[in-house]
Structures are given as structure tokens and as C-alpha cells.
Amino acid sequence: MKVAASVESLWQYIQSLSLSERNRKWLATKLLENNYAKEDESEFISKDEILAGIDNGLKELAERKRTGRKAKTLEELIHEL
């Protein structure tokens, strides 16, 4: 895989550098910071949010059934995104 080869090349380059202990610690810290930042940016939906979404969907479905309104098509939903 091209990405794996690029990462391997990068790793070999980093290993070839003569870094001081201070620089190695700095690099390790930066690598970990990026990893944690990506995890923090991930969006998690709580159980309550999921249940609220299901509840709203069921209420909307019941309202559509009661009023006879048609639901949006998949294409219409995609265009909203």
C-alpha cells in the first residue's frame, strides 16, 4: 500500500536523524497530542440523544400518518445534507 510505504519511509527518516533526548521527547509529545486531538474531535452521541432522536422520528411518523403528509424522499434528504 502506498500510504503504508510513505509512513514507513517517514519512520526511517525520523530514525536516521540524530535527535537529542529533548527533541525525541518533543516529537513524541507532538505525535501524541495530534492523536488525542483527533480523538477529542470525534463526535459521540449519548444514549439519551439516540433515544430522543428515535422518539422524535416516531412522533414525526405518527404526525405524518395522522395528517396524511408524505415523507421526504431519500433524494430530498441527501440534497439537504
N, C-alpha and C. Protein backbone atom coordinates (compact mmCIF):
# COMPACT_ATOMS: atom_id res chain seq x y z
N MET A 1 0.83 -1.18 0.00
CA MET A 1 0.00 0.00 0.00
C MET A 1 0.88 1.24 0.00
N LYS A 2 0.49 2.24 -0.77
CA LYS A 2 1.30 3.44 -0.91
C LYS A 2 1.41 4.22 0.39
N VAL A 3 0.30 4.32 1.13
CA VAL A 3 0.30 5.06 2.39
C VAL A 3 1.22 4.40 3.40
N ALA A 4 1.13 3.07 3.51
CA ALA A 4 1.99 2.34 4.45
C ALA A 4 3.45 2.54 4.08
N ALA A 5 3.76 2.54 2.80
CA ALA A 5 5.14 2.75 2.36
C ALA A 5 5.60 4.16 2.72
N SER A 6 4.73 5.15 2.58
CA SER A 6 5.08 6.52 2.92
C SER A 6 5.33 6.67 4.40
N VAL A 7 4.49 6.04 5.21
CA VAL A 7 4.66 6.10 6.66
C VAL A 7 5.95 5.40 7.05
N GLU A 8 6.22 4.27 6.43
CA GLU A 8 7.47 3.55 6.70
C GLU A 8 8.68 4.40 6.33
N SER A 9 8.60 5.08 5.19
CA SER A 9 9.70 5.95 4.77
C SER A 9 9.88 7.09 5.75
N LEU A 10 8.80 7.65 6.20
CA LEU A 10 8.86 8.73 7.18
C LEU A 10 9.51 8.24 8.47
N TRP A 11 9.11 7.05 8.93
CA TRP A 11 9.67 6.48 10.15
C TRP A 11 11.18 6.26 9.99
N GLN A 12 11.59 5.74 8.84
CA GLN A 12 13.02 5.51 8.60
C GLN A 12 13.79 6.83 8.61
N TYR A 13 13.17 7.86 8.03
CA TYR A 13 13.81 9.18 8.03
C TYR A 13 13.96 9.71 9.45
N ILE A 14 12.92 9.59 10.23
CA ILE A 14 12.97 10.08 11.62
C ILE A 14 14.05 9.34 12.40
N GLN A 15 14.13 8.02 12.20
CA GLN A 15 15.15 7.23 12.89
C GLN A 15 16.57 7.61 12.46
N SER A 16 16.70 8.08 11.21
CA SER A 16 18.04 8.44 10.72
C SER A 16 18.53 9.77 11.30
N LEU A 17 17.64 10.57 11.83
CA LEU A 17 18.03 11.85 12.41
C LEU A 17 18.74 11.63 13.72
N SER A 18 19.71 12.46 14.00
CA SER A 18 20.38 12.37 15.31
C SER A 18 19.70 13.39 16.22
N LEU A 19 18.65 12.93 16.88
CA LEU A 19 17.88 13.81 17.75
C LEU A 19 18.37 13.70 19.18
N SER A 20 18.39 14.83 19.85
CA SER A 20 18.73 14.81 21.27
C SER A 20 17.56 14.21 22.04
N GLU A 21 17.80 13.85 23.27
CA GLU A 21 16.74 13.31 24.13
C GLU A 21 15.59 14.31 24.23
N ARG A 22 15.92 15.56 24.34
CA ARG A 22 14.90 16.62 24.43
C ARG A 22 14.05 16.67 23.17
N ASN A 23 14.70 16.58 22.01
CA ASN A 23 13.97 16.62 20.74
C ASN A 23 13.10 15.38 20.55
N ARG A 24 13.60 14.22 20.97
CA ARG A 24 12.79 12.99 20.88
C ARG A 24 11.55 13.09 21.74
N LYS A 25 11.70 13.64 22.95
CA LYS A 25 10.54 13.82 23.83
C LYS A 25 9.55 14.81 23.23
N TRP A 26 10.07 15.87 22.62
CA TRP A 26 9.20 16.86 21.99
C TRP A 26 8.41 16.22 20.84
N LEU A 27 9.12 15.45 20.02
CA LEU A 27 8.47 14.79 18.89
C LEU A 27 7.41 13.80 19.37
N ALA A 28 7.74 13.02 20.39
CA ALA A 28 6.77 12.07 20.94
C ALA A 28 5.55 12.79 21.48
N THR A 29 5.77 13.89 22.16
CA THR A 29 4.66 14.69 22.70
C THR A 29 3.77 15.20 21.57
N LYS A 30 4.38 15.72 20.53
CA LYS A 30 3.62 16.25 19.40
C LYS A 30 2.80 15.15 18.71
N LEU A 31 3.39 13.99 18.55
CA LEU A 31 2.67 12.88 17.93
C LEU A 31 1.48 12.46 18.78
N LEU A 32 1.67 12.43 20.09
CA LEU A 32 0.56 12.06 20.97
C LEU A 32 -0.50 13.14 21.01
N GLU A 33 -0.09 14.40 20.99
CA GLU A 33 -1.06 15.50 21.00
C GLU A 33 -1.98 15.42 19.79
N ASN A 34 -1.42 15.15 18.63
CA ASN A 34 -2.23 15.03 17.42
C ASN A 34 -3.20 13.87 17.54
N ASN A 35 -2.75 12.76 18.08
CA ASN A 35 -3.61 11.60 18.23
C ASN A 35 -4.77 11.91 19.17
N TYR A 36 -4.48 12.53 20.30
CA TYR A 36 -5.54 12.85 21.25
C TYR A 36 -6.46 13.93 20.71
N ALA A 37 -5.92 14.86 19.95
CA ALA A 37 -6.76 15.91 19.37
C ALA A 37 -7.77 15.30 18.41
N LYS A 38 -7.36 14.31 17.63
CA LYS A 38 -8.29 13.67 16.71
C LYS A 38 -9.38 12.92 17.47
N GLU A 39 -8.98 12.28 18.57
CA GLU A 39 -9.98 11.56 19.37
C GLU A 39 -10.97 12.54 19.98
N ASP A 40 -10.48 13.69 20.44
CA ASP A 40 -11.36 14.69 21.05
C ASP A 40 -12.32 15.28 20.03
N GLU A 41 -11.88 15.37 18.78
CA GLU A 41 -12.73 15.94 17.74
C GLU A 41 -13.83 14.98 17.31
N SER A 42 -13.66 13.71 17.62
CA SER A 42 -14.68 12.73 17.26
C SER A 42 -15.98 13.06 17.97
N GLU A 43 -17.06 12.89 17.27
CA GLU A 43 -18.36 13.19 17.85
C GLU A 43 -18.98 11.91 18.39
N PHE A 44 -19.36 11.96 19.64
CA PHE A 44 -20.01 10.83 20.25
C PHE A 44 -21.45 11.20 20.56
N ILE A 45 -22.36 10.29 20.30
CA ILE A 45 -23.77 10.52 20.58
C ILE A 45 -24.12 9.69 21.81
N SER A 46 -24.69 10.37 22.78
CA SER A 46 -25.05 9.67 24.01
C SER A 46 -26.31 8.83 23.80
N LYS A 47 -26.55 7.94 24.73
CA LYS A 47 -27.73 7.08 24.69
C LYS A 47 -28.99 7.95 24.70
N ASP A 48 -29.00 8.99 25.53
CA ASP A 48 -30.16 9.88 25.62
C ASP A 48 -30.43 10.59 24.30
N GLU A 49 -29.34 11.01 23.60
CA GLU A 49 -29.52 11.66 22.31
C GLU A 49 -30.08 10.70 21.27
N ILE A 50 -29.62 9.46 21.30
CA ILE A 50 -30.13 8.45 20.38
C ILE A 50 -31.61 8.20 20.64
N LEU A 51 -31.96 8.03 21.91
CA LEU A 51 -33.37 7.78 22.26
C LEU A 51 -34.24 8.97 21.90
N ALA A 52 -33.74 10.18 22.11
CA ALA A 52 -34.50 11.38 21.76
C ALA A 52 -34.73 11.44 20.25
N GLY A 53 -33.70 11.06 19.47
CA GLY A 53 -33.84 11.05 18.01
C GLY A 53 -34.87 10.03 17.55
N ILE A 54 -34.86 8.86 18.17
CA ILE A 54 -35.86 7.82 17.84
C ILE A 54 -37.24 8.30 18.21
N ASP A 55 -37.36 8.91 19.39
CA ASP A 55 -38.65 9.43 19.85
C ASP A 55 -39.18 10.49 18.88
N ASN A 56 -38.32 11.42 18.47
CA ASN A 56 -38.74 12.46 17.53
C ASN A 56 -39.17 11.85 16.20
N GLY A 57 -38.42 10.85 15.74
CA GLY A 57 -38.77 10.20 14.48
C GLY A 57 -40.11 9.51 14.54
N LEU A 58 -40.37 8.83 15.65
CA LEU A 58 -41.66 8.15 15.80
C LEU A 58 -42.81 9.15 15.90
N LYS A 59 -42.58 10.25 16.59
CA LYS A 59 -43.61 11.30 16.68
C LYS A 59 -43.89 11.90 15.31
N GLU A 60 -42.82 12.13 14.55
CA GLU A 60 -43.00 12.68 13.21
C GLU A 60 -43.74 11.70 12.32
N LEU A 61 -43.43 10.42 12.43
CA LEU A 61 -44.11 9.39 11.66
C LEU A 61 -45.59 9.34 12.01
N ALA A 62 -45.91 9.40 13.31
CA ALA A 62 -47.31 9.39 13.74
C ALA A 62 -48.04 10.62 13.22
N GLU A 63 -47.37 11.78 13.25
CA GLU A 63 -47.98 13.02 12.75
C GLU A 63 -48.23 12.93 11.25
N ARG A 64 -47.30 12.39 10.52
CA ARG A 64 -47.49 12.23 9.07
C ARG A 64 -48.65 11.29 8.78
N LYS A 65 -48.74 10.22 9.55
CA LYS A 65 -49.83 9.26 9.36
C LYS A 65 -51.17 9.93 9.67
N ARG A 66 -51.20 10.74 10.73
CA ARG A 66 -52.43 11.40 11.14
C ARG A 66 -52.88 12.44 10.12
N THR A 67 -51.91 13.22 9.58
CA THR A 67 -52.26 14.30 8.66
C THR A 67 -52.27 13.88 7.20
N GLY A 68 -51.68 12.72 6.90
CA GLY A 68 -51.62 12.25 5.52
C GLY A 68 -50.52 12.90 4.70
N ARG A 69 -49.62 13.64 5.35
CA ARG A 69 -48.49 14.25 4.64
C ARG A 69 -47.52 13.19 4.19
N LYS A 70 -46.88 13.43 3.05
CA LYS A 70 -45.88 12.49 2.56
C LYS A 70 -44.52 12.82 3.16
N ALA A 71 -43.74 11.79 3.39
CA ALA A 71 -42.38 11.98 3.90
C ALA A 71 -41.47 12.40 2.74
N LYS A 72 -40.34 12.99 3.08
CA LYS A 72 -39.37 13.37 2.06
C LYS A 72 -38.76 12.11 1.46
N THR A 73 -38.39 12.23 0.19
CA THR A 73 -37.72 11.11 -0.47
C THR A 73 -36.26 11.09 -0.05
N LEU A 74 -35.59 9.98 -0.30
CA LEU A 74 -34.18 9.87 0.02
C LEU A 74 -33.38 10.93 -0.72
N GLU A 75 -33.74 11.18 -1.95
CA GLU A 75 -33.05 12.20 -2.74
C GLU A 75 -33.18 13.57 -2.10
N GLU A 76 -34.37 13.91 -1.61
CA GLU A 76 -34.58 15.20 -0.93
C GLU A 76 -33.73 15.30 0.34
N LEU A 77 -33.65 14.21 1.08
CA LEU A 77 -32.84 14.20 2.29
C LEU A 77 -31.37 14.38 1.98
N ILE A 78 -30.90 13.72 0.93
CA ILE A 78 -29.49 13.84 0.53
C ILE A 78 -29.17 15.27 0.12
N HIS A 79 -30.07 15.91 -0.61
CA HIS A 79 -29.84 17.30 -1.05
C HIS A 79 -29.79 18.26 0.13
N GLU A 80 -30.47 17.92 1.24
CA GLU A 80 -30.41 18.77 2.43
C GLU A 80 -29.03 18.75 3.07
N LEU A 81 -28.34 17.62 2.93
CA LEU A 81 -27.01 17.49 3.53
C LEU A 81 -26.03 18.34 2.76
